[in-house]
């Protein structure tokens, strides 16, 4: 064998070199776009107190939440030229009607076009627990019954799960920091857990996390577990990487100045690069966080119907929110 020492050195060099992410690597998404289909601000389509977004990750299409009114997401998708008939999976971030209200109408409408459209719904443990003391309360148990009658099925998550390569659900998020953003006026109702009644702190609240070469992208409905609890849990369970983008509702519209300052510091520590605060994030909260984190009008915006974030182009806020 000629030049064995040289050959050995080349082999050792190749073995010691770090592997670069490629499009075929499992667990890393290289093409991602998130488009908002339901929120309050609307330049096109219908605005409402609710949230929904279409997530397109390496060719896979997932609907995250379904808005409040039955027809909002259907109408907005139509106006934006988005075809939802090929979307088989939906994620429900929690039980509230402003995130689940469109599920049944979407399934009824779209299954006539594609039988598997929105036929699988991912949820967190606790979403079907009875709430309140009203004996006539229906909520998600009734939605579950009708959705299953329409041929749909629920997948319940109790811990983080990679549902596609590089696409994760947090499952219920531990409440490490005190980010109390549930209940009205600091008061919360009760939920009937299998172990008995507990404070209804929206225990099923979960987010979607996409692992990209640039960092993690987190999509949230309301983030009732707290934006910082959610982002830190994403980094702990998926990958210790910077938060490249956070998109959705983060329930900061009632947050005071001290809490926003603390949140901004934690966001800086997490390396947040892009922020679209929609739904319950709050207008003032978005602007305050932009200022405190040192972000810009290009990287921190109020979310609007049709606004999007992509790895290739960053944030497209549309004209109204620019």
Protein backbone atom coordinates (compact mmCIF):
# COMPACT_ATOMS: atom_id res chain seq x y z
CA UNK A 1 0.00 0.00 0.00
CA UNK A 2 1.42 3.38 -1.02
CA UNK A 3 1.66 6.19 1.55
CA UNK A 4 -0.12 4.38 4.44
CA UNK A 5 0.64 7.19 6.89
CA UNK A 6 -0.93 9.76 4.59
CA UNK A 7 -4.04 7.63 4.06
CA UNK A 8 -4.38 7.09 7.82
CA UNK A 9 -4.11 10.82 8.50
CA UNK A 10 -6.84 11.58 5.95
CA UNK A 11 -9.15 8.97 7.49
CA UNK A 12 -8.59 10.38 10.98
CA UNK A 13 -9.25 13.90 9.72
CA UNK A 14 -12.54 12.84 8.16
CA UNK A 15 -13.63 11.02 11.30
CA UNK A 16 -12.85 13.98 13.52
CA UNK A 17 -14.55 16.59 11.31
CA UNK A 18 -18.00 17.80 12.53
CA UNK A 19 -20.91 16.62 10.41
CA UNK A 20 -22.83 19.41 8.68
CA UNK A 21 -26.63 19.28 8.57
CA UNK A 22 -27.99 18.35 5.16
CA UNK A 23 -31.50 18.19 3.83
CA UNK A 24 -31.55 14.43 4.33
CA UNK A 25 -30.45 14.57 7.98
CA UNK A 26 -33.20 13.23 10.26
CA UNK A 27 -34.46 15.65 12.85
CA UNK A 28 -33.55 18.91 11.08
CA UNK A 29 -36.05 20.92 9.02
CA UNK A 30 -34.45 22.99 6.28
CA UNK A 31 -37.57 24.47 4.65
CA UNK A 32 -40.17 26.10 6.90
CA UNK A 33 -43.02 28.56 6.52
CA UNK A 34 -45.62 29.57 9.11
CA UNK A 35 -48.67 31.53 7.87
CA UNK A 36 -51.23 33.04 10.27
CA UNK A 37 -54.84 32.22 9.39
CA UNK A 38 -56.66 33.57 12.45
CA UNK A 39 -55.88 36.50 14.74
CA UNK A 40 -57.41 39.90 15.52
CA UNK A 41 -55.57 42.11 13.02
CA UNK A 42 -56.54 41.56 9.39
CA UNK A 43 -55.38 43.36 6.27
CA UNK A 44 -57.06 40.65 4.22
CA UNK A 45 -59.72 38.20 5.36
CA UNK A 46 -61.51 38.18 8.72
CA UNK A 47 -60.06 39.23 12.05
CA UNK A 48 -61.25 37.61 15.29
CA UNK A 49 -60.18 36.89 18.86
CA UNK A 50 -58.59 33.55 18.08
CA UNK A 51 -55.57 31.89 16.54
CA UNK A 52 -54.65 29.48 13.77
CA UNK A 53 -51.59 29.03 11.59
CA UNK A 54 -50.52 26.77 8.75
CA UNK A 55 -47.09 25.22 9.31
CA UNK A 56 -45.22 23.89 6.26
CA UNK A 57 -42.06 21.99 7.19
CA UNK A 58 -40.06 20.14 4.56
CA UNK A 59 -43.21 19.47 2.55
CA UNK A 60 -45.38 18.45 5.50
CA UNK A 61 -48.38 20.68 6.20
CA UNK A 62 -49.91 20.95 9.67
CA UNK A 63 -52.70 23.23 10.91
CA UNK A 64 -51.94 24.66 14.34
CA UNK A 65 -55.22 25.61 16.09
CA UNK A 66 -58.45 26.34 14.24
CA UNK A 67 -59.58 29.84 15.19
CA UNK A 68 -62.74 30.82 17.05
CA UNK A 69 -65.64 31.05 14.63
CA UNK A 70 -66.51 28.04 12.47
CA UNK A 71 -65.85 29.73 9.13
CA UNK A 72 -62.92 32.06 9.83
CA UNK A 73 -60.01 29.80 8.88
CA UNK A 74 -61.86 28.44 5.85
CA UNK A 75 -62.62 31.95 4.58
CA UNK A 76 -59.18 33.37 5.30
CA UNK A 77 -57.44 30.43 3.65
CA UNK A 78 -59.61 30.92 0.58
CA UNK A 79 -58.82 34.64 0.38
CA UNK A 80 -55.11 33.95 0.79
CA UNK A 81 -55.14 31.25 -1.90
CA UNK A 82 -54.23 28.49 0.55
CA UNK A 83 -55.62 25.00 -0.04
CA UNK A 84 -56.18 23.16 3.25
CA UNK A 85 -57.69 20.01 1.72
CA UNK A 86 -54.34 18.22 1.73
CA UNK A 87 -53.65 18.96 5.40
CA UNK A 88 -54.21 15.78 7.39
CA UNK A 89 -53.01 16.84 10.85
CA UNK A 90 -54.20 19.51 13.22
CA UNK A 91 -52.78 20.54 16.58
CA UNK A 92 -55.02 21.96 19.30
CA UNK A 93 -52.86 23.90 21.73
CA UNK A 94 -55.52 23.87 24.48
CA UNK A 95 -59.25 23.59 25.11
CA UNK A 96 -60.41 27.20 24.70
CA UNK A 97 -62.98 27.88 22.02
CA UNK A 98 -60.94 30.61 20.33
CA UNK A 99 -58.49 27.88 19.29
CA UNK A 100 -60.85 24.95 18.72
CA UNK A 101 -63.95 26.66 17.29
CA UNK A 102 -63.21 25.91 13.66
CA UNK A 103 -62.28 22.24 14.01
CA UNK A 104 -65.62 20.64 13.23
CA UNK A 105 -66.51 22.99 10.37
CA UNK A 106 -63.09 22.44 8.80
CA UNK A 107 -63.39 18.66 9.03
CA UNK A 108 -66.94 18.68 7.60
CA UNK A 109 -66.00 20.94 4.70
CA UNK A 110 -62.65 19.46 3.75
CA UNK A 111 -63.35 15.74 4.08
CA UNK A 112 -65.68 16.06 1.09
CA UNK A 113 -62.63 17.08 -0.94
CA UNK A 114 -60.07 14.80 0.71
CA UNK A 115 -61.23 12.04 3.09
CA UNK A 116 -58.15 12.34 5.33
CA UNK A 117 -58.25 16.14 5.62
CA UNK A 118 -57.75 17.17 9.26
CA UNK A 119 -58.44 13.60 10.33
CA UNK A 120 -55.80 13.49 13.10
CA UNK A 121 -55.81 15.95 15.98
CA UNK A 122 -52.90 16.20 18.41
CA UNK A 123 -53.81 17.37 21.93
CA UNK A 124 -52.22 17.55 25.36
CA UNK A 125 -53.29 15.57 28.40
CA UNK A 126 -56.04 17.43 30.23
CA UNK A 127 -57.81 18.96 27.26
CA UNK A 128 -60.89 16.76 27.81
CA UNK A 129 -61.12 17.22 31.59
CA UNK A 130 -64.49 18.60 32.67
CA UNK A 131 -64.37 22.27 33.59
CA UNK A 132 -66.45 24.37 35.93
CA UNK A 133 -69.51 23.49 37.96
CA UNK A 134 -72.14 24.00 35.25
CA UNK A 135 -73.84 20.62 34.67
CA UNK A 136 -74.68 21.72 31.11
CA UNK A 137 -71.03 22.45 30.23
CA UNK A 138 -70.07 20.60 27.07
CA UNK A 139 -66.74 21.96 25.84
CA UNK A 140 -64.13 19.61 24.39
CA UNK A 141 -65.84 16.32 25.38
CA UNK A 142 -68.70 17.26 23.05
CA UNK A 143 -66.26 18.32 20.32
CA UNK A 144 -64.46 15.01 20.73
CA UNK A 145 -67.64 13.03 20.25
CA UNK A 146 -68.65 14.88 17.10
CA UNK A 147 -65.14 14.94 15.62
CA UNK A 148 -64.83 11.18 16.03
CA UNK A 149 -68.27 10.76 14.46
CA UNK A 150 -66.85 12.63 11.46
CA UNK A 151 -64.06 10.05 11.19
CA UNK A 152 -61.41 12.00 13.06
CA UNK A 153 -59.14 10.67 15.79
CA UNK A 154 -57.32 12.32 18.69
CA UNK A 155 -53.71 11.65 19.66
CA UNK A 156 -53.12 12.65 23.28
CA UNK A 157 -49.63 13.67 24.38
CA UNK A 158 -48.32 13.53 27.94
CA UNK A 159 -44.68 14.36 27.12
CA UNK A 160 -42.59 15.81 24.27
CA UNK A 161 -42.93 13.92 21.00
CA UNK A 162 -41.27 14.19 17.59
CA UNK A 163 -44.25 13.78 15.28
CA UNK A 164 -42.14 14.20 12.13
CA UNK A 165 -38.38 14.52 11.66
CA UNK A 166 -37.47 17.83 13.29
CA UNK A 167 -41.09 18.66 14.20
CA UNK A 168 -41.89 18.36 17.90
CA UNK A 169 -44.78 18.84 20.28
CA UNK A 170 -43.84 19.95 23.77
CA UNK A 171 -46.76 18.16 25.39
CA UNK A 172 -47.86 19.81 28.66
CA UNK A 173 -45.16 22.29 29.73
CA UNK A 174 -43.82 22.32 33.33
CA UNK A 175 -44.43 25.63 35.12
CA UNK A 176 -40.93 26.36 36.43
CA UNK A 177 -41.26 30.16 36.44
CA UNK A 178 -44.27 31.99 37.84
CA UNK A 179 -45.95 33.20 34.66
CA UNK A 180 -49.55 33.24 35.75
CA UNK A 181 -51.52 34.03 32.61
CA UNK A 182 -54.73 32.08 32.99
CA UNK A 183 -58.06 32.89 34.62
CA UNK A 184 -59.74 36.27 34.71
CA UNK A 185 -58.63 38.87 37.21
CA UNK A 186 -56.23 36.39 38.78
CA UNK A 187 -59.03 33.91 39.43
CA UNK A 188 -59.24 30.53 37.77
CA UNK A 189 -61.95 27.91 37.73
CA UNK A 190 -61.59 24.22 38.43
CA UNK A 191 -60.89 21.22 36.25
CA UNK A 192 -61.87 17.69 37.19
CA UNK A 193 -58.67 15.67 36.86
CA UNK A 194 -58.61 11.87 37.30
CA UNK A 195 -57.28 12.52 40.81
CA UNK A 196 -59.97 15.02 41.73
CA UNK A 197 -60.62 18.75 41.26
CA UNK A 198 -57.62 21.00 40.56
CA UNK A 199 -57.14 24.64 39.65
CA UNK A 200 -57.74 25.01 35.94
CA UNK A 201 -54.37 26.42 34.89
CA UNK A 202 -54.87 25.02 31.39
CA UNK A 203 -52.61 22.02 32.10
CA UNK A 204 -52.74 20.75 28.50
CA UNK A 205 -51.24 23.95 27.04
CA UNK A 206 -48.57 22.91 24.53
CA UNK A 207 -46.63 24.34 21.61
CA UNK A 208 -45.06 23.18 18.35
CA UNK A 209 -41.26 23.29 18.03
CA UNK A 210 -39.40 23.01 14.73
CA UNK A 211 -35.70 22.19 14.82
CA UNK A 212 -33.87 24.08 12.05
CA UNK A 213 -30.18 24.65 11.26
CA UNK A 214 -30.60 28.25 12.48
CA UNK A 215 -32.18 27.31 15.80
CA UNK A 216 -35.61 26.44 17.15
CA UNK A 217 -38.86 27.92 15.82
CA UNK A 218 -41.71 27.80 18.35
CA UNK A 219 -45.40 28.19 17.44
CA UNK A 220 -47.77 28.95 20.32
CA UNK A 221 -51.54 29.31 20.62
CA UNK A 222 -51.78 31.22 23.89
CA UNK A 223 -48.78 29.92 25.78
CA UNK A 224 -50.74 29.53 29.01
CA UNK A 225 -47.75 27.71 30.45
CA UNK A 226 -45.78 30.95 30.00
CA UNK A 227 -43.61 32.01 27.08
CA UNK A 228 -40.38 31.57 29.03
CA UNK A 229 -41.39 28.21 30.51
CA UNK A 230 -42.27 27.10 26.98
CA UNK A 231 -39.08 28.29 25.31
CA UNK A 232 -36.83 26.89 28.04
CA UNK A 233 -38.64 23.55 27.90
CA UNK A 234 -38.25 23.48 24.10
CA UNK A 235 -34.51 24.03 24.44
CA UNK A 236 -34.27 21.39 27.14
CA UNK A 237 -36.23 18.69 25.33
CA UNK A 238 -35.48 19.30 21.64
CA UNK A 239 -32.05 20.96 21.43
CA UNK A 240 -30.01 23.51 23.34
CA UNK A 241 -30.12 25.97 20.48
CA UNK A 242 -31.08 29.65 20.20
CA UNK A 243 -34.73 30.47 19.59
CA UNK A 244 -34.64 31.56 15.97
CA UNK A 245 -38.32 32.56 15.96
CA UNK A 246 -41.39 32.61 18.21
CA UNK A 247 -44.74 32.94 16.45
CA UNK A 248 -48.29 33.08 17.80
CA UNK A 249 -50.18 34.04 20.93
CA UNK A 250 -48.23 34.44 24.17
CA UNK A 251 -50.88 35.91 26.52
CA UNK A 252 -48.92 38.96 27.61
CA UNK A 253 -51.63 41.56 26.99
CA UNK A 254 -52.25 41.92 30.75
CA UNK A 255 -48.56 41.79 31.74
CA UNK A 256 -47.18 44.73 33.71
CA UNK A 257 -43.92 46.54 33.05
CA UNK A 258 -41.89 44.49 35.54
CA UNK A 259 -43.04 41.20 34.06
CA UNK A 260 -42.34 42.40 30.51
CA UNK A 261 -38.86 43.52 31.53
CA UNK A 262 -38.17 40.10 33.06
CA UNK A 263 -39.58 38.40 29.96
CA UNK A 264 -37.39 40.49 27.66
CA UNK A 265 -34.27 39.58 29.62
CA UNK A 266 -35.11 35.88 29.35
CA UNK A 267 -35.79 36.24 25.62
CA UNK A 268 -32.37 37.79 25.14
CA UNK A 269 -30.81 34.91 27.07
CA UNK A 270 -32.64 32.46 24.75
CA UNK A 271 -31.17 34.18 21.69
CA UNK A 272 -34.53 35.17 20.19
CA UNK A 273 -34.04 36.51 16.65
CA UNK A 274 -37.59 36.84 15.24
CA UNK A 275 -40.90 37.48 17.00
CA UNK A 276 -44.48 37.61 15.72
CA UNK A 277 -46.83 38.35 18.61
CA UNK A 278 -50.38 37.59 17.54
CA UNK A 279 -53.72 36.97 19.26
CA UNK A 280 -53.42 37.45 23.04
CA UNK A 281 -49.82 38.72 23.05
CA UNK A 282 -51.03 42.31 23.12
CA UNK A 283 -50.03 45.29 20.99
CA UNK A 284 -48.23 47.22 23.71
CA UNK A 285 -46.49 44.04 24.89
CA UNK A 286 -45.04 43.44 21.40
CA UNK A 287 -43.74 46.99 21.14
CA UNK A 288 -42.33 46.93 24.66
CA UNK A 289 -40.57 43.62 24.08
CA UNK A 290 -39.18 44.93 20.79
CA UNK A 291 -37.70 47.89 22.62
CA UNK A 292 -36.37 45.95 25.61
CA UNK A 293 -34.76 43.20 23.53
CA UNK A 294 -33.22 45.56 21.00
CA UNK A 295 -35.13 44.01 18.13
CA UNK A 296 -36.37 46.00 15.11
CA UNK A 297 -39.47 46.60 13.03
CA UNK A 298 -38.23 43.86 10.71
CA UNK A 299 -37.74 41.24 13.44
CA UNK A 300 -40.50 41.93 16.02
CA UNK A 301 -44.03 42.62 14.78
CA UNK A 302 -47.70 42.31 15.64
CA UNK A 303 -49.20 39.29 13.90
CA UNK A 304 -51.86 39.75 11.22
CA UNK A 305 -53.95 37.41 9.10
CA UNK A 306 -51.74 36.38 6.18
CA UNK A 307 -48.49 37.40 7.87
CA UNK A 308 -45.79 34.75 7.71
CA UNK A 309 -42.37 33.67 8.83
CA UNK A 310 -40.02 31.55 6.73
CA UNK A 311 -36.44 30.41 7.10
CA UNK A 312 -35.62 31.80 3.68
CA UNK A 313 -37.24 35.24 3.92
CA UNK A 314 -37.79 35.89 7.63
CA UNK A 315 -40.91 37.83 8.63
CA UNK A 316 -43.44 39.14 6.14
CA UNK A 317 -45.62 41.31 8.35
CA UNK A 318 -47.77 42.74 5.52
CA UNK A 319 -48.27 46.50 5.22
CA UNK A 320 -50.57 47.15 8.17
CA UNK A 321 -48.24 45.74 10.83
CA UNK A 322 -44.97 46.89 9.25
